[in-house]
Amino acid sequence: EMGIERAHIVTKDSDLKICVLDVTNFPECIEEGESSSYLKSLIDEDTVIVLNKLDLHPSPPSYNLSKLSIKPKAIVHIYCNNNTGIDSLLNIVHISCNNNTGI
């Protein structure tokens, strides 16, 4: 539990956070369940939500972010087994890093 608290403190000061979630459980994992309030507390304007396993949900789910009470920097759908969406994720990370370093 101390490790979780320490990680939570560190994420508050991060310039960019990447939250990887299973697309088949989104947005339910943020709407309900034990960890929903913890997940919501981690997601802010510096967070990129990465929804993995796109192959299991080929048409991305629709979701209302204002209903979920979260405002992430971006949401990226990926499928790691064939690299689908990885370029989009890397592009967002690259742009975010450049913006935060003044480049």
PDB file of N, CA and C in Angstrom:
ATOM      1  N   GLU A   1       0.826  -1.200   0.000  1.00  0.00           N
ATOM      2  CA  GLU A   1       0.000   0.000   0.000  1.00  0.00           C
ATOM      3  C   GLU A   1       0.869   1.262   0.000  1.00  0.00           C
ATOM      4  N   MET A   2       2.007   1.238   0.684  1.00  0.00           N
ATOM      5  CA  MET A   2       2.890   2.394   0.683  1.00  0.00           C
ATOM      6  C   MET A   2       3.428   2.657  -0.721  1.00  0.00           C
ATOM      7  N   GLY A   3       3.694   1.599  -1.463  1.00  0.00           N
ATOM      8  CA  GLY A   3       4.181   1.738  -2.829  1.00  0.00           C
ATOM      9  C   GLY A   3       3.161   2.421  -3.722  1.00  0.00           C
ATOM     10  N   ILE A   4       1.894   2.083  -3.536  1.00  0.00           N
ATOM     11  CA  ILE A   4       0.824   2.705  -4.314  1.00  0.00           C
ATOM     12  C   ILE A   4       0.723   4.187  -3.972  1.00  0.00           C
ATOM     13  N   GLU A   5       0.792   4.510  -2.699  1.00  0.00           N
ATOM     14  CA  GLU A   5       0.742   5.916  -2.287  1.00  0.00           C
ATOM     15  C   GLU A   5       1.929   6.695  -2.854  1.00  0.00           C
ATOM     16  N   ARG A   6       3.094   6.104  -2.810  1.00  0.00           N
ATOM     17  CA  ARG A   6       4.300   6.757  -3.338  1.00  0.00           C
ATOM     18  C   ARG A   6       4.158   6.968  -4.850  1.00  0.00           C
ATOM     19  N   ALA A   7       3.655   5.977  -5.548  1.00  0.00           N
ATOM     20  CA  ALA A   7       3.451   6.097  -6.990  1.00  0.00           C
ATOM     21  C   ALA A   7       2.437   7.195  -7.303  1.00  0.00           C
ATOM     22  N   HIS A   8       1.404   7.280  -6.502  1.00  0.00           N
ATOM     23  CA  HIS A   8       0.379   8.304  -6.702  1.00  0.00           C
ATOM     24  C   HIS A   8       0.972   9.705  -6.529  1.00  0.00           C
ATOM     25  N   ILE A   9       1.838   9.871  -5.553  1.00  0.00           N
ATOM     26  CA  ILE A   9       2.496  11.165  -5.320  1.00  0.00           C
ATOM     27  C   ILE A   9       3.379  11.530  -6.513  1.00  0.00           C
ATOM     28  N   VAL A  10       4.136  10.575  -7.009  1.00  0.00           N
ATOM     29  CA  VAL A  10       5.034  10.823  -8.142  1.00  0.00           C
ATOM     30  C   VAL A  10       4.241  11.196  -9.387  1.00  0.00           C
ATOM     31  N   THR A  11       3.114  10.539  -9.616  1.00  0.00           N
ATOM     32  CA  THR A  11       2.338  10.828 -10.828  1.00  0.00           C
ATOM     33  C   THR A  11       1.766  12.239 -10.810  1.00  0.00           C
ATOM     34  N   LYS A  12       1.503  12.778  -9.644  1.00  0.00           N
ATOM     35  CA  LYS A  12       0.972  14.148  -9.552  1.00  0.00           C
ATOM     36  C   LYS A  12       1.940  15.152 -10.155  1.00  0.00           C
ATOM     37  N   ASP A  13       3.244  14.891 -10.067  1.00  0.00           N
ATOM     38  CA  ASP A  13       4.258  15.810 -10.576  1.00  0.00           C
ATOM     39  C   ASP A  13       4.756  15.449 -11.974  1.00  0.00           C
ATOM     40  N   SER A  14       4.185  14.440 -12.589  1.00  0.00           N
ATOM     41  CA  SER A  14       4.648  13.998 -13.903  1.00  0.00           C
ATOM     42  C   SER A  14       4.141  14.925 -15.002  1.00  0.00           C
ATOM     43  N   ASP A  15       4.984  15.149 -16.002  1.00  0.00           N
ATOM     44  CA  ASP A  15       4.581  15.949 -17.154  1.00  0.00           C
ATOM     45  C   ASP A  15       3.681  15.162 -18.091  1.00  0.00           C
ATOM     46  N   LEU A  16       3.873  13.854 -18.125  1.00  0.00           N
ATOM     47  CA  LEU A  16       3.079  12.992 -18.990  1.00  0.00           C
ATOM     48  C   LEU A  16       2.876  11.657 -18.295  1.00  0.00           C
ATOM     49  N   LYS A  17       1.629  11.213 -18.282  1.00  0.00           N
ATOM     50  CA  LYS A  17       1.296   9.909 -17.715  1.00  0.00           C
ATOM     51  C   LYS A  17       0.640   9.085 -18.806  1.00  0.00           C
ATOM     52  N   ILE A  18       0.961   7.800 -18.826  1.00  0.00           N
ATOM     53  CA  ILE A  18       0.353   6.882 -19.776  1.00  0.00           C
ATOM     54  C   ILE A  18      -0.387   5.817 -18.970  1.00  0.00           C
ATOM     55  N   CYS A  19      -1.681   5.762 -19.164  1.00  0.00           N
ATOM     56  CA  CYS A  19      -2.538   4.815 -18.448  1.00  0.00           C
ATOM     57  C   CYS A  19      -3.032   3.782 -19.462  1.00  0.00           C
ATOM     58  N   VAL A  20      -2.513   2.561 -19.362  1.00  0.00           N
ATOM     59  CA  VAL A  20      -2.878   1.500 -20.305  1.00  0.00           C
ATOM     60  C   VAL A  20      -4.032   0.689 -19.714  1.00  0.00           C
ATOM     61  N   LEU A  21      -5.118   0.619 -20.477  1.00  0.00           N
ATOM     62  CA  LEU A  21      -6.305  -0.104 -20.042  1.00  0.00           C
ATOM     63  C   LEU A  21      -6.740  -1.072 -21.138  1.00  0.00           C
ATOM     64  N   ASP A  22      -7.432  -2.094 -20.753  1.00  0.00           N
ATOM     65  CA  ASP A  22      -7.991  -3.081 -21.673  1.00  0.00           C
ATOM     66  C   ASP A  22      -9.243  -2.477 -22.310  1.00  0.00           C
ATOM     67  N   VAL A  23      -9.259  -2.368 -23.629  1.00  0.00           N
ATOM     68  CA  VAL A  23     -10.384  -1.749 -24.324  1.00  0.00           C
ATOM     69  C   VAL A  23     -11.701  -2.465 -24.028  1.00  0.00           C
ATOM     70  N   THR A  24     -11.646  -3.761 -23.735  1.00  0.00           N
ATOM     71  CA  THR A  24     -12.883  -4.509 -23.476  1.00  0.00           C
ATOM     72  C   THR A  24     -13.503  -4.148 -22.130  1.00  0.00           C
ATOM     73  N   ASN A  25     -12.731  -3.465 -21.257  1.00  0.00           N
ATOM     74  CA  ASN A  25     -13.245  -3.065 -19.944  1.00  0.00           C
ATOM     75  C   ASN A  25     -13.455  -1.564 -19.824  1.00  0.00           C
ATOM     76  N   PHE A  26     -13.309  -0.841 -20.937  1.00  0.00           N
ATOM     77  CA  PHE A  26     -13.440   0.604 -20.895  1.00  0.00           C
ATOM     78  C   PHE A  26     -14.759   1.016 -21.525  1.00  0.00           C
ATOM     79  N   PRO A  27     -15.514   1.886 -20.925  1.00  0.00           N
ATOM     80  CA  PRO A  27     -15.223   2.748 -19.790  1.00  0.00           C
ATOM     81  C   PRO A  27     -15.658   2.199 -18.442  1.00  0.00           C
ATOM     82  N   GLU A  28     -16.140   0.952 -18.417  1.00  0.00           N
ATOM     83  CA  GLU A  28     -16.650   0.396 -17.160  1.00  0.00           C
ATOM     84  C   GLU A  28     -15.631   0.455 -16.029  1.00  0.00           C
ATOM     85  N   CYS A  29     -14.350   0.249 -16.345  1.00  0.00           N
ATOM     86  CA  CYS A  29     -13.330   0.241 -15.293  1.00  0.00           C
ATOM     87  C   CYS A  29     -13.204   1.599 -14.620  1.00  0.00           C
ATOM     88  N   ILE A  30     -13.661   2.658 -15.290  1.00  0.00           N
ATOM     89  CA  ILE A  30     -13.605   3.988 -14.692  1.00  0.00           C
ATOM     90  C   ILE A  30     -14.942   4.355 -14.060  1.00  0.00           C
ATOM     91  N   GLU A  31     -16.002   3.761 -14.540  1.00  0.00           N
ATOM     92  CA  GLU A  31     -17.337   4.077 -14.035  1.00  0.00           C
ATOM     93  C   GLU A  31     -17.666   3.349 -12.735  1.00  0.00           C
ATOM     94  N   GLU A  32     -17.120   2.139 -12.576  1.00  0.00           N
ATOM     95  CA  GLU A  32     -17.521   1.316 -11.441  1.00  0.00           C
ATOM     96  C   GLU A  32     -16.377   0.413 -11.001  1.00  0.00           C
ATOM     97  N   GLY A  33     -16.538  -0.189  -9.873  1.00  0.00           N
ATOM     98  CA  GLY A  33     -15.533  -1.133  -9.389  1.00  0.00           C
ATOM     99  C   GLY A  33     -14.613  -0.535  -8.345  1.00  0.00           C
ATOM    100  N   GLU A  34     -13.839  -1.419  -7.737  1.00  0.00           N
ATOM    101  CA  GLU A  34     -12.939  -1.040  -6.651  1.00  0.00           C
ATOM    102  C   GLU A  34     -11.956   0.047  -7.027  1.00  0.00           C
ATOM    103  N   SER A  35     -11.364  -0.082  -8.197  1.00  0.00           N
ATOM    104  CA  SER A  35     -10.282   0.824  -8.566  1.00  0.00           C
ATOM    105  C   SER A  35     -10.749   2.046  -9.356  1.00  0.00           C
ATOM    106  N   SER A  36     -12.056   2.223  -9.560  1.00  0.00           N
ATOM    107  CA  SER A  36     -12.534   3.320 -10.402  1.00  0.00           C
ATOM    108  C   SER A  36     -12.152   4.691  -9.847  1.00  0.00           C
ATOM    109  N   SER A  37     -12.312   4.907  -8.557  1.00  0.00           N
ATOM    110  CA  SER A  37     -11.966   6.220  -8.002  1.00  0.00           C
ATOM    111  C   SER A  37     -10.465   6.454  -8.054  1.00  0.00           C
ATOM    112  N   TYR A  38      -9.681   5.399  -7.874  1.00  0.00           N
ATOM    113  CA  TYR A  38      -8.233   5.534  -7.969  1.00  0.00           C
ATOM    114  C   TYR A  38      -7.828   5.881  -9.397  1.00  0.00           C
ATOM    115  N   LEU A  39      -8.407   5.186 -10.382  1.00  0.00           N
ATOM    116  CA  LEU A  39      -8.108   5.477 -11.784  1.00  0.00           C
ATOM    117  C   LEU A  39      -8.492   6.911 -12.131  1.00  0.00           C
ATOM    118  N   LYS A  40      -9.671   7.335 -11.709  1.00  0.00           N
ATOM    119  CA  LYS A  40     -10.102   8.710 -11.984  1.00  0.00           C
ATOM    120  C   LYS A  40      -9.137   9.719 -11.380  1.00  0.00           C
ATOM    121  N   SER A  41      -8.614   9.417 -10.208  1.00  0.00           N
ATOM    122  CA  SER A  41      -7.702  10.362  -9.556  1.00  0.00           C
ATOM    123  C   SER A  41      -6.364  10.466 -10.286  1.00  0.00           C
ATOM    124  N   LEU A  42      -6.007   9.450 -11.064  1.00  0.00           N
ATOM    125  CA  LEU A  42      -4.754   9.468 -11.822  1.00  0.00           C
ATOM    126  C   LEU A  42      -4.884  10.178 -13.166  1.00  0.00           C
ATOM    127  N   ILE A  43      -6.093  10.212 -13.715  1.00  0.00           N
ATOM    128  CA  ILE A  43      -6.294  10.722 -15.072  1.00  0.00           C
ATOM    129  C   ILE A  43      -6.600  12.209 -15.035  1.00  0.00           C
ATOM    130  N   ASP A  44      -5.731  12.970 -15.721  1.00  0.00           N
ATOM    131  CA  ASP A  44      -5.931  14.410 -15.836  1.00  0.00           C
ATOM    132  C   ASP A  44      -5.441  14.869 -17.198  1.00  0.00           C
ATOM    133  N   GLU A  45      -5.269  16.172 -17.373  1.00  0.00           N
ATOM    134  CA  GLU A  45      -4.882  16.713 -18.679  1.00  0.00           C
ATOM    135  C   GLU A  45      -3.469  16.327 -19.100  1.00  0.00           C
ATOM    136  N   ASP A  46      -2.714  15.694 -18.222  1.00  0.00           N
ATOM    137  CA  ASP A  46      -1.374  15.205 -18.559  1.00  0.00           C
ATOM    138  C   ASP A  46      -1.352  13.691 -18.805  1.00  0.00           C
ATOM    139  N   THR A  47      -2.518  13.091 -18.899  1.00  0.00           N
ATOM    140  CA  THR A  47      -2.625  11.640 -19.042  1.00  0.00           C
ATOM    141  C   THR A  47      -3.063  11.249 -20.444  1.00  0.00           C
ATOM    142  N   VAL A  48      -2.358  10.297 -21.006  1.00  0.00           N
ATOM    143  CA  VAL A  48      -2.777   9.667 -22.259  1.00  0.00           C
ATOM    144  C   VAL A  48      -3.345   8.302 -21.882  1.00  0.00           C
ATOM    145  N   ILE A  49      -4.594   8.092 -22.221  1.00  0.00           N
ATOM    146  CA  ILE A  49      -5.206   6.783 -21.986  1.00  0.00           C
ATOM    147  C   ILE A  49      -4.938   5.929 -23.216  1.00  0.00           C
ATOM    148  N   VAL A  50      -4.319   4.788 -22.994  1.00  0.00           N
ATOM    149  CA  VAL A  50      -4.028   3.851 -24.072  1.00  0.00           C
ATOM    150  C   VAL A  50      -4.945   2.655 -23.894  1.00  0.00           C
ATOM    151  N   LEU A  51      -5.822   2.454 -24.871  1.00  0.00           N
ATOM    152  CA  LEU A  51      -6.741   1.322 -24.817  1.00  0.00           C
ATOM    153  C   LEU A  51      -6.170   0.212 -25.685  1.00  0.00           C
ATOM    154  N   ASN A  52      -5.716  -0.838 -25.028  1.00  0.00           N
ATOM    155  CA  ASN A  52      -5.063  -1.957 -25.700  1.00  0.00           C
ATOM    156  C   ASN A  52      -6.082  -3.039 -26.044  1.00  0.00           C
ATOM    157  N   LYS A  53      -5.649  -3.984 -26.855  1.00  0.00           N
ATOM    158  CA  LYS A  53      -6.443  -5.137 -27.304  1.00  0.00           C
ATOM    159  C   LYS A  53      -7.544  -4.722 -28.275  1.00  0.00           C
ATOM    160  N   LEU A  54      -7.205  -3.799 -29.164  1.00  0.00           N
ATOM    161  CA  LEU A  54      -8.155  -3.319 -30.155  1.00  0.00           C
ATOM    162  C   LEU A  54      -8.728  -4.463 -30.991  1.00  0.00           C
ATOM    163  N   ASP A  55      -7.968  -5.546 -31.133  1.00  0.00           N
ATOM    164  CA  ASP A  55      -8.449  -6.698 -31.904  1.00  0.00           C
ATOM    165  C   ASP A  55      -9.691  -7.325 -31.286  1.00  0.00           C
ATOM    166  N   LEU A  56      -9.866  -7.159 -29.987  1.00  0.00           N
ATOM    167  CA  LEU A  56     -11.030  -7.734 -29.310  1.00  0.00           C
ATOM    168  C   LEU A  56     -12.245  -6.806 -29.381  1.00  0.00           C
ATOM    169  N   HIS A  57     -12.031  -5.600 -29.853  1.00  0.00           N
ATOM    170  CA  HIS A  57     -13.104  -4.611 -29.955  1.00  0.00           C
ATOM    171  C   HIS A  57     -12.813  -3.757 -31.186  1.00  0.00           C
ATOM    172  N   PRO A  58     -12.922  -4.354 -32.404  1.00  0.00           N
ATOM    173  CA  PRO A  58     -12.455  -3.700 -33.622  1.00  0.00           C
ATOM    174  C   PRO A  58     -13.040  -2.320 -33.904  1.00  0.00           C
ATOM    175  N   SER A  59     -14.290  -2.083 -33.516  1.00  0.00           N
ATOM    176  CA  SER A  59     -14.792  -0.717 -33.666  1.00  0.00           C
ATOM    177  C   SER A  59     -14.721  -0.074 -32.283  1.00  0.00           C
ATOM    178  N   PRO A  60     -13.881   0.956 -32.146  1.00  0.00           N
ATOM    179  CA  PRO A  60     -13.669   1.565 -30.828  1.00  0.00           C
ATOM    180  C   PRO A  60     -14.991   1.948 -30.175  1.00  0.00           C
ATOM    181  N   PRO A  61     -15.103   1.684 -28.894  1.00  0.00           N
ATOM    182  CA  PRO A  61     -16.345   1.993 -28.185  1.00  0.00           C
ATOM    183  C   PRO A  61     -16.563   3.496 -28.122  1.00  0.00           C
ATOM    184  N   SER A  62     -17.813   3.884 -28.040  1.00  0.00           N
ATOM    185  CA  SER A  62     -18.097   5.306 -27.842  1.00  0.00           C
ATOM    186  C   SER A  62     -18.225   5.534 -26.338  1.00  0.00           C
ATOM    187  N   TYR A  63     -17.803   6.689 -25.912  1.00  0.00           N
ATOM    188  CA  TYR A  63     -17.855   7.018 -24.498  1.00  0.00           C
ATOM    189  C   TYR A  63     -17.935   8.514 -24.336  1.00  0.00           C
ATOM    190  N   ASN A  64     -18.578   8.930 -23.276  1.00  0.00           N
ATOM    191  CA  ASN A  64     -18.754  10.337 -22.968  1.00  0.00           C
ATOM    192  C   ASN A  64     -17.799  10.685 -21.830  1.00  0.00           C
ATOM    193  N   LEU A  65     -16.699  11.372 -22.167  1.00  0.00           N
ATOM    194  CA  LEU A  65     -15.685  11.668 -21.154  1.00  0.00           C
ATOM    195  C   LEU A  65     -16.205  12.585 -20.064  1.00  0.00           C
ATOM    196  N   SER A  66     -17.096  13.503 -20.396  1.00  0.00           N
ATOM    197  CA  SER A  66     -17.619  14.385 -19.353  1.00  0.00           C
ATOM    198  C   SER A  66     -18.473  13.596 -18.364  1.00  0.00           C
ATOM    199  N   LYS A  67     -19.172  12.576 -18.861  1.00  0.00           N
ATOM    200  CA  LYS A  67     -19.949  11.710 -17.971  1.00  0.00           C
ATOM    201  C   LYS A  67     -19.015  10.930 -17.036  1.00  0.00           C
ATOM    202  N   LEU A  68     -17.826  10.586 -17.541  1.00  0.00           N
ATOM    203  CA  LEU A  68     -16.860   9.842 -16.735  1.00  0.00           C
ATOM    204  C   LEU A  68     -16.090  10.740 -15.777  1.00  0.00           C
ATOM    205  N   SER A  69     -16.249  12.049 -15.925  1.00  0.00           N
ATOM    206  CA  SER A  69     -15.554  13.034 -15.085  1.00  0.00           C
ATOM    207  C   SER A  69     -14.040  12.934 -15.228  1.00  0.00           C
ATOM    208  N   ILE A  70     -13.578  12.697 -16.451  1.00  0.00           N
ATOM    209  CA  ILE A  70     -12.138  12.679 -16.709  1.00  0.00           C
ATOM    210  C   ILE A  70     -11.845  13.549 -17.926  1.00  0.00           C
ATOM    211  N   LYS A  71     -10.646  14.122 -17.941  1.00  0.00           N
ATOM    212  CA  LYS A  71     -10.227  14.959 -19.058  1.00  0.00           C
ATOM    213  C   LYS A  71      -8.792  14.618 -19.433  1.00  0.00           C
ATOM    214  N   PRO A  72      -8.605  13.484 -20.118  1.00  0.00           N
ATOM    215  CA  PRO A  72      -7.249  13.101 -20.497  1.00  0.00           C
ATOM    216  C   PRO A  72      -6.716  13.960 -21.647  1.00  0.00           C
ATOM    217  N   LYS A  73      -5.405  13.959 -21.793  1.00  0.00           N
ATOM    218  CA  LYS A  73      -4.752  14.642 -22.917  1.00  0.00           C
ATOM    219  C   LYS A  73      -5.207  14.014 -24.231  1.00  0.00           C
ATOM    220  N   ALA A  74      -5.292  12.702 -24.255  1.00  0.00           N
ATOM    221  CA  ALA A  74      -5.678  11.975 -25.466  1.00  0.00           C
ATOM    222  C   ALA A  74      -6.071  10.558 -25.106  1.00  0.00           C
ATOM    223  N   ILE A  75      -6.780   9.926 -26.034  1.00  0.00           N
ATOM    224  CA  ILE A  75      -7.087   8.501 -25.942  1.00  0.00           C
ATOM    225  C   ILE A  75      -6.589   7.859 -27.226  1.00  0.00           C
ATOM    226  N   VAL A  76      -5.779   6.815 -27.081  1.00  0.00           N
ATOM    227  CA  VAL A  76      -5.202   6.127 -28.231  1.00  0.00           C
ATOM    228  C   VAL A  76      -5.611   4.658 -28.163  1.00  0.00           C
ATOM    229  N   HIS A  77      -6.065   4.131 -29.284  1.00  0.00           N
ATOM    230  CA  HIS A  77      -6.412   2.708 -29.382  1.00  0.00           C
ATOM    231  C   HIS A  77      -5.246   1.979 -30.023  1.00  0.00           C
ATOM    232  N   ILE A  78      -4.811   0.893 -29.390  1.00  0.00           N
ATOM    233  CA  ILE A  78      -3.681   0.143 -29.925  1.00  0.00           C
ATOM    234  C   ILE A  78      -3.969  -1.362 -29.928  1.00  0.00           C
ATOM    235  N   TYR A  79      -3.174  -2.049 -30.720  1.00  0.00           N
ATOM    236  CA  TYR A  79      -3.156  -3.509 -30.723  1.00  0.00           C
ATOM    237  C   TYR A  79      -1.683  -3.879 -30.795  1.00  0.00           C
ATOM    238  N   CYS A  80      -1.111  -4.211 -29.674  1.00  0.00           N
ATOM    239  CA  CYS A  80       0.332  -4.437 -29.571  1.00  0.00           C
ATOM    240  C   CYS A  80       0.833  -5.585 -30.436  1.00  0.00           C
ATOM    241  N   ASN A  81       0.029  -6.600 -30.647  1.00  0.00           N
ATOM    242  CA  ASN A  81       0.498  -7.765 -31.404  1.00  0.00           C
ATOM    243  C   ASN A  81       0.897  -7.442 -32.834  1.00  0.00           C
ATOM    244  N   ASN A  82       0.283  -6.410 -33.427  1.00  0.00           N
ATOM    245  CA  ASN A  82       0.672  -6.048 -34.796  1.00  0.00           C
ATOM    246  C   ASN A  82       1.052  -4.572 -34.922  1.00  0.00           C
ATOM    247  N   ASN A  83       1.272  -3.917 -33.789  1.00  0.00           N
ATOM    248  CA  ASN A  83       1.720  -2.519 -33.720  1.00  0.00           C
ATOM    249  C   ASN A  83       0.698  -1.491 -34.187  1.00  0.00           C
ATOM    250  N   THR A  84      -0.552  -1.859 -34.332  1.00  0.00           N
ATOM    251  CA  THR A  84      -1.580  -0.900 -34.700  1.00  0.00           C
ATOM    252  C   THR A  84      -1.696   0.165 -33.610  1.00  0.00           C
ATOM    253  N   GLY A  85      -1.633   1.416 -34.004  1.00  0.00           N
ATOM    254  CA  GLY A  85      -1.803   2.525 -33.073  1.00  0.00           C
ATOM    255  C   GLY A  85      -0.543   2.961 -32.357  1.00  0.00           C
ATOM    256  N   ILE A  86       0.528   2.192 -32.448  1.00  0.00           N
ATOM    257  CA  ILE A  86       1.767   2.526 -31.746  1.00  0.00           C
ATOM    258  C   ILE A  86       2.344   3.844 -32.267  1.00  0.00           C
ATOM    259  N   ASP A  87       2.292   4.061 -33.582  1.00  0.00           N
ATOM    260  CA  ASP A  87       2.790   5.315 -34.147  1.00  0.00           C
ATOM    261  C   ASP A  87       2.035   6.517 -33.592  1.00  0.00           C
ATOM    262  N   SER A  88       0.739   6.385 -33.438  1.00  0.00           N
ATOM    263  CA  SER A  88      -0.062   7.473 -32.869  1.00  0.00           C
ATOM    264  C   SER A  88       0.350   7.765 -31.435  1.00  0.00           C
ATOM    265  N   LEU A  89       0.562   6.709 -30.662  1.00  0.00           N
ATOM    266  CA  LEU A  89       0.995   6.878 -29.277  1.00  0.00           C
ATOM    267  C   LEU A  89       2.365   7.553 -29.221  1.00  0.00           C
ATOM    268  N   LEU A  90       3.293   7.083 -30.023  1.00  0.00           N
ATOM    269  CA  LEU A  90       4.639   7.669 -30.031  1.00  0.00           C
ATOM    270  C   LEU A  90       4.607   9.131 -30.464  1.00  0.00           C
ATOM    271  N   ASN A  91       3.742   9.450 -31.402  1.00  0.00           N
ATOM    272  CA  ASN A  91       3.612  10.831 -31.847  1.00  0.00           C
ATOM    273  C   ASN A  91       3.116  11.735 -30.713  1.00  0.00           C
ATOM    274  N   ILE A  92       2.134  11.277 -29.969  1.00  0.00           N
ATOM    275  CA  ILE A  92       1.616  12.051 -28.836  1.00  0.00           C
ATOM    276  C   ILE A  92       2.702  12.231 -27.781  1.00  0.00           C
ATOM    277  N   VAL A  93       3.447  11.178 -27.497  1.00  0.00           N
ATOM    278  CA  VAL A  93       4.532  11.262 -26.515  1.00  0.00           C
ATOM    279  C   VAL A  93       5.594  12.243 -27.005  1.00  0.00           C
ATOM    280  N   HIS A  94       5.958  12.151 -28.271  1.00  0.00           N
ATOM    281  CA  HIS A  94       6.971  13.036 -28.848  1.00  0.00           C
ATOM    282  C   HIS A  94       6.534  14.502 -28.755  1.00  0.00           C
ATOM    283  N   ILE A  95       5.312  14.788 -29.156  1.00  0.00           N
ATOM    284  CA  ILE A  95       4.798  16.158 -29.099  1.00  0.00           C
ATOM    285  C   ILE A  95       4.753  16.651 -27.660  1.00  0.00           C
ATOM    286  N   SER A  96       4.287  15.820 -26.753  1.00  0.00           N
ATOM    287  CA  SER A  96       4.212  16.207 -25.340  1.00  0.00           C
ATOM    288  C   SER A  96       5.581  16.505 -24.761  1.00  0.00           C
ATOM    289  N   CYS A  97       6.547  15.677 -25.087  1.00  0.00           N
ATOM    290  CA  CYS A  97       7.909  15.880 -24.578  1.00  0.00           C
ATOM    291  C   CYS A  97       8.497  17.167 -25.140  1.00  0.00           C
ATOM    292  N   ASN A  98       8.293  17.420 -26.413  1.00  0.00           N
ATOM    293  CA  ASN A  98       8.800  18.654 -27.014  1.00  0.00           C
ATOM    294  C   ASN A  98       8.149  19.890 -26.419  1.00  0.00           C
ATOM    295  N   ASN A  99       6.843  19.813 -26.142  1.00  0.00           N
ATOM    296  CA  ASN A  99       6.144  20.947 -25.540  1.00  0.00           C
ATOM    297  C   ASN A  99       6.614  21.224 -24.134  1.00  0.00           C
ATOM    298  N   ASN A 100       6.963  20.180 -23.404  1.00  0.00           N
ATOM    299  CA  ASN A 100       7.374  20.357 -22.012  1.00  0.00           C
ATOM    300  C   ASN A 100       8.839  20.768 -21.859  1.00  0.00           C
ATOM    301  N   THR A 101       9.629  20.608 -22.917  1.00  0.00           N
ATOM    302  CA  THR A 101      11.040  21.001 -22.827  1.00  0.00           C
ATOM    303  C   THR A 101      11.301  22.310 -23.531  1.00  0.00           C
ATOM    304  N   GLY A 102      10.283  22.887 -24.143  1.00  0.00           N
ATOM    305  CA  GLY A 102      10.446  24.153 -24.822  1.00  0.00           C
ATOM    306  C   GLY A 102      11.061  24.030 -26.200  1.00  0.00           C
ATOM    307  N   ILE A 103      11.131  22.834 -26.748  1.00  0.00           N
ATOM    308  CA  ILE A 103      11.707  22.632 -28.080  1.00  0.00           C
ATOM    309  C   ILE A 103      10.704  23.040 -29.129  1.00  0.00           C
TER     310      ILE A 103
END
